[in-house]
Amino acid sequence: MPTPVPPKLDVPFYYELPFSVRKALPTLRLSMHVFAGDPAQRFVVLNDSRLAEGDKTSDEVTLREVRRDGAVLEFQGQRFFYPRDGQ
């Protein structure tokens, strides 16, 4: 069984964001996460919206990167990591 790869820690986890940003951040529901070797095939379904890298939800959350273990999102200029299991 392969050893899980720890997430890159170049961005904070969503729960490590400043309180003011966490308070303004909409509820996040990651219902689908697709990672592929080809970046053009990567996407997530976040809050019922299918997003490719660079897309934005109606509540201004931008998908910056799909990683094997989650997604790098951006809200109010703050990038953060949201794991695919939500924890």
N, C-alpha and C. Protein backbone atom coordinates (compact mmCIF):
# COMPACT_ATOMS: atom_id res chain seq x y z
N MET A 1 0.85 -1.19 0.00
CA MET A 1 0.00 0.00 0.00
C MET A 1 0.90 1.24 0.00
N PRO A 2 0.65 2.20 -0.92
CA PRO A 2 1.52 3.37 -0.99
C PRO A 2 1.35 4.27 0.23
N THR A 3 2.44 4.91 0.59
CA THR A 3 2.42 5.85 1.71
C THR A 3 1.74 7.14 1.25
N PRO A 4 0.80 7.68 2.04
CA PRO A 4 0.14 8.92 1.63
C PRO A 4 1.16 10.06 1.56
N VAL A 5 0.99 10.92 0.57
CA VAL A 5 1.87 12.07 0.41
C VAL A 5 1.30 13.22 1.24
N PRO A 6 2.10 13.80 2.14
CA PRO A 6 1.57 14.92 2.92
C PRO A 6 1.34 16.13 2.03
N PRO A 7 0.37 16.98 2.38
CA PRO A 7 0.09 18.15 1.55
C PRO A 7 1.27 19.11 1.56
N LYS A 8 1.45 19.81 0.43
CA LYS A 8 2.46 20.87 0.39
C LYS A 8 1.98 21.97 1.33
N LEU A 9 2.87 22.46 2.14
CA LEU A 9 2.47 23.45 3.14
C LEU A 9 2.84 24.87 2.73
N ASP A 10 2.72 25.18 1.44
CA ASP A 10 3.04 26.51 0.96
C ASP A 10 1.88 27.49 1.13
N VAL A 11 0.72 26.98 1.49
CA VAL A 11 -0.44 27.82 1.81
C VAL A 11 -1.05 27.27 3.10
N PRO A 12 -1.68 28.12 3.89
CA PRO A 12 -2.28 27.63 5.14
C PRO A 12 -3.53 26.81 4.87
N PHE A 13 -3.88 25.95 5.83
CA PHE A 13 -5.18 25.28 5.79
C PHE A 13 -6.25 26.33 6.02
N TYR A 14 -7.47 26.06 5.56
CA TYR A 14 -8.55 27.04 5.69
C TYR A 14 -8.79 27.44 7.14
N TYR A 15 -8.60 26.52 8.07
CA TYR A 15 -8.85 26.84 9.48
C TYR A 15 -7.72 27.66 10.10
N GLU A 16 -6.63 27.89 9.35
CA GLU A 16 -5.53 28.72 9.82
C GLU A 16 -5.62 30.16 9.30
N LEU A 17 -6.65 30.46 8.52
CA LEU A 17 -6.82 31.82 8.00
C LEU A 17 -7.13 32.78 9.13
N PRO A 18 -6.84 34.07 8.92
CA PRO A 18 -7.21 35.06 9.94
C PRO A 18 -8.72 35.00 10.22
N PHE A 19 -9.08 35.28 11.45
CA PHE A 19 -10.48 35.18 11.87
C PHE A 19 -11.40 35.98 10.97
N SER A 20 -11.00 37.19 10.59
CA SER A 20 -11.88 38.04 9.77
C SER A 20 -12.18 37.38 8.42
N VAL A 21 -11.20 36.68 7.85
CA VAL A 21 -11.41 36.00 6.58
C VAL A 21 -12.29 34.77 6.78
N ARG A 22 -12.01 33.99 7.83
CA ARG A 22 -12.84 32.79 8.12
C ARG A 22 -14.28 33.19 8.36
N LYS A 23 -14.50 34.29 9.03
CA LYS A 23 -15.86 34.74 9.33
C LYS A 23 -16.62 35.11 8.05
N ALA A 24 -15.92 35.72 7.09
CA ALA A 24 -16.55 36.14 5.84
C ALA A 24 -16.65 35.00 4.82
N LEU A 25 -15.84 33.96 4.99
CA LEU A 25 -15.79 32.84 4.04
C LEU A 25 -17.12 32.10 4.02
N PRO A 26 -17.69 31.88 2.83
CA PRO A 26 -18.94 31.11 2.78
C PRO A 26 -18.68 29.67 3.20
N THR A 27 -19.73 28.98 3.58
CA THR A 27 -19.62 27.55 3.90
C THR A 27 -19.10 26.84 2.66
N LEU A 28 -18.11 25.95 2.86
CA LEU A 28 -17.52 25.23 1.74
C LEU A 28 -17.98 23.78 1.77
N ARG A 29 -18.51 23.31 0.63
CA ARG A 29 -18.94 21.92 0.46
C ARG A 29 -18.25 21.38 -0.78
N LEU A 30 -17.24 20.56 -0.57
CA LEU A 30 -16.52 19.94 -1.68
C LEU A 30 -17.14 18.57 -1.91
N SER A 31 -17.99 18.44 -2.95
CA SER A 31 -18.71 17.19 -3.16
C SER A 31 -18.05 16.30 -4.21
N MET A 32 -17.12 16.85 -4.99
CA MET A 32 -16.38 16.03 -5.95
C MET A 32 -15.00 16.63 -6.14
N HIS A 33 -14.01 15.75 -6.26
CA HIS A 33 -12.62 16.15 -6.42
C HIS A 33 -11.99 15.22 -7.44
N VAL A 34 -11.54 15.77 -8.58
CA VAL A 34 -10.94 14.95 -9.63
C VAL A 34 -9.54 15.48 -9.90
N PHE A 35 -8.54 14.65 -9.57
CA PHE A 35 -7.15 14.99 -9.86
C PHE A 35 -6.70 14.09 -11.00
N ALA A 36 -6.04 14.67 -12.00
CA ALA A 36 -5.52 13.91 -13.14
C ALA A 36 -4.13 14.44 -13.46
N GLY A 37 -3.34 13.61 -14.13
CA GLY A 37 -2.01 14.03 -14.54
C GLY A 37 -2.04 15.24 -15.45
N ASP A 38 -3.06 15.31 -16.29
CA ASP A 38 -3.23 16.45 -17.18
C ASP A 38 -4.02 17.53 -16.45
N PRO A 39 -3.41 18.70 -16.19
CA PRO A 39 -4.12 19.76 -15.46
C PRO A 39 -5.46 20.17 -16.09
N ALA A 40 -5.58 20.02 -17.40
CA ALA A 40 -6.84 20.39 -18.06
C ALA A 40 -8.00 19.48 -17.67
N GLN A 41 -7.71 18.31 -17.11
CA GLN A 41 -8.76 17.38 -16.71
C GLN A 41 -9.10 17.46 -15.23
N ARG A 42 -8.43 18.31 -14.49
CA ARG A 42 -8.68 18.45 -13.06
C ARG A 42 -9.86 19.38 -12.81
N PHE A 43 -10.69 19.01 -11.84
CA PHE A 43 -11.79 19.89 -11.45
C PHE A 43 -12.32 19.48 -10.09
N VAL A 44 -13.12 20.35 -9.52
CA VAL A 44 -13.83 20.05 -8.28
C VAL A 44 -15.28 20.50 -8.44
N VAL A 45 -16.15 19.96 -7.61
CA VAL A 45 -17.49 20.50 -7.48
C VAL A 45 -17.54 21.09 -6.07
N LEU A 46 -17.60 22.40 -6.02
CA LEU A 46 -17.58 23.15 -4.77
C LEU A 46 -18.87 23.95 -4.67
N ASN A 47 -19.61 23.72 -3.60
CA ASN A 47 -20.89 24.43 -3.39
C ASN A 47 -21.79 24.31 -4.64
N ASP A 48 -21.86 23.10 -5.17
CA ASP A 48 -22.72 22.77 -6.32
C ASP A 48 -22.28 23.41 -7.63
N SER A 49 -21.05 23.95 -7.70
CA SER A 49 -20.52 24.51 -8.94
C SER A 49 -19.32 23.70 -9.39
N ARG A 50 -19.31 23.31 -10.67
CA ARG A 50 -18.15 22.59 -11.22
C ARG A 50 -17.11 23.63 -11.60
N LEU A 51 -15.92 23.51 -11.02
CA LEU A 51 -14.86 24.48 -11.24
C LEU A 51 -13.60 23.83 -11.77
N ALA A 52 -13.02 24.43 -12.79
CA ALA A 52 -11.69 24.08 -13.24
C ALA A 52 -10.74 25.12 -12.62
N GLU A 53 -9.45 24.84 -12.68
CA GLU A 53 -8.48 25.78 -12.11
C GLU A 53 -8.67 27.16 -12.74
N GLY A 54 -8.77 28.19 -11.90
CA GLY A 54 -8.98 29.56 -12.35
C GLY A 54 -10.43 30.01 -12.29
N ASP A 55 -11.38 29.07 -12.15
CA ASP A 55 -12.81 29.42 -12.08
C ASP A 55 -13.17 29.94 -10.70
N LYS A 56 -14.29 30.67 -10.65
CA LYS A 56 -14.75 31.29 -9.41
C LYS A 56 -16.20 30.93 -9.15
N THR A 57 -16.56 30.72 -7.88
CA THR A 57 -17.95 30.46 -7.51
C THR A 57 -18.72 31.77 -7.48
N SER A 58 -20.02 31.68 -7.36
CA SER A 58 -20.85 32.89 -7.30
C SER A 58 -20.58 33.70 -6.04
N ASP A 59 -20.01 33.05 -5.00
CA ASP A 59 -19.70 33.80 -3.78
C ASP A 59 -18.21 34.14 -3.68
N GLU A 60 -17.56 34.27 -4.86
CA GLU A 60 -16.22 34.82 -4.96
C GLU A 60 -15.10 33.95 -4.40
N VAL A 61 -15.26 32.63 -4.40
CA VAL A 61 -14.19 31.71 -4.03
C VAL A 61 -13.59 31.20 -5.33
N THR A 62 -12.28 31.39 -5.51
CA THR A 62 -11.60 30.99 -6.74
C THR A 62 -10.81 29.71 -6.52
N LEU A 63 -10.93 28.79 -7.47
CA LEU A 63 -10.13 27.56 -7.45
C LEU A 63 -8.80 27.87 -8.13
N ARG A 64 -7.72 27.85 -7.36
CA ARG A 64 -6.40 28.15 -7.90
C ARG A 64 -5.67 26.90 -8.38
N GLU A 65 -5.82 25.79 -7.65
CA GLU A 65 -5.08 24.58 -8.01
C GLU A 65 -5.79 23.35 -7.45
N VAL A 66 -5.86 22.28 -8.24
CA VAL A 66 -6.36 21.01 -7.75
C VAL A 66 -5.13 20.15 -7.47
N ARG A 67 -5.00 19.71 -6.23
CA ARG A 67 -3.90 18.84 -5.83
C ARG A 67 -4.44 17.46 -5.55
N ARG A 68 -3.56 16.49 -5.42
CA ARG A 68 -3.99 15.10 -5.17
C ARG A 68 -4.90 14.99 -3.95
N ASP A 69 -4.62 15.79 -2.93
CA ASP A 69 -5.27 15.65 -1.64
C ASP A 69 -6.27 16.75 -1.32
N GLY A 70 -6.52 17.64 -2.27
CA GLY A 70 -7.46 18.71 -2.01
C GLY A 70 -7.32 19.83 -3.02
N ALA A 71 -7.69 21.03 -2.62
CA ALA A 71 -7.69 22.16 -3.54
C ALA A 71 -7.11 23.39 -2.86
N VAL A 72 -6.44 24.20 -3.66
CA VAL A 72 -5.99 25.52 -3.19
C VAL A 72 -7.05 26.50 -3.68
N LEU A 73 -7.67 27.18 -2.74
CA LEU A 73 -8.72 28.14 -3.03
C LEU A 73 -8.23 29.53 -2.66
N GLU A 74 -8.93 30.54 -3.15
CA GLU A 74 -8.61 31.91 -2.79
C GLU A 74 -9.89 32.67 -2.50
N PHE A 75 -9.86 33.45 -1.43
CA PHE A 75 -11.02 34.26 -1.03
C PHE A 75 -10.49 35.54 -0.42
N GLN A 76 -10.97 36.68 -0.89
CA GLN A 76 -10.54 37.99 -0.41
C GLN A 76 -9.01 38.13 -0.41
N GLY A 77 -8.38 37.64 -1.47
CA GLY A 77 -6.94 37.77 -1.61
C GLY A 77 -6.12 36.79 -0.80
N GLN A 78 -6.77 35.90 -0.07
CA GLN A 78 -6.08 34.92 0.77
C GLN A 78 -6.17 33.54 0.13
N ARG A 79 -5.02 32.95 -0.16
CA ARG A 79 -5.00 31.57 -0.65
C ARG A 79 -4.95 30.62 0.53
N PHE A 80 -5.61 29.47 0.37
CA PHE A 80 -5.62 28.48 1.45
C PHE A 80 -5.89 27.11 0.87
N PHE A 81 -5.56 26.09 1.66
CA PHE A 81 -5.74 24.71 1.26
C PHE A 81 -6.99 24.14 1.89
N TYR A 82 -7.81 23.47 1.08
CA TYR A 82 -9.00 22.81 1.56
C TYR A 82 -8.87 21.33 1.20
N PRO A 83 -8.67 20.46 2.20
CA PRO A 83 -8.47 19.03 1.91
C PRO A 83 -9.73 18.39 1.33
N ARG A 84 -9.54 17.37 0.52
CA ARG A 84 -10.69 16.78 -0.15
C ARG A 84 -11.66 16.12 0.81
N ASP A 85 -11.20 15.74 1.99
CA ASP A 85 -12.13 15.16 2.97
C ASP A 85 -12.74 16.24 3.86
N GLY A 86 -12.37 17.50 3.63
CA GLY A 86 -12.95 18.61 4.37
C GLY A 86 -12.40 18.79 5.77
N GLN A 87 -11.38 18.01 6.14
CA GLN A 87 -10.87 18.11 7.52
C GLN A 87 -9.43 18.53 7.56
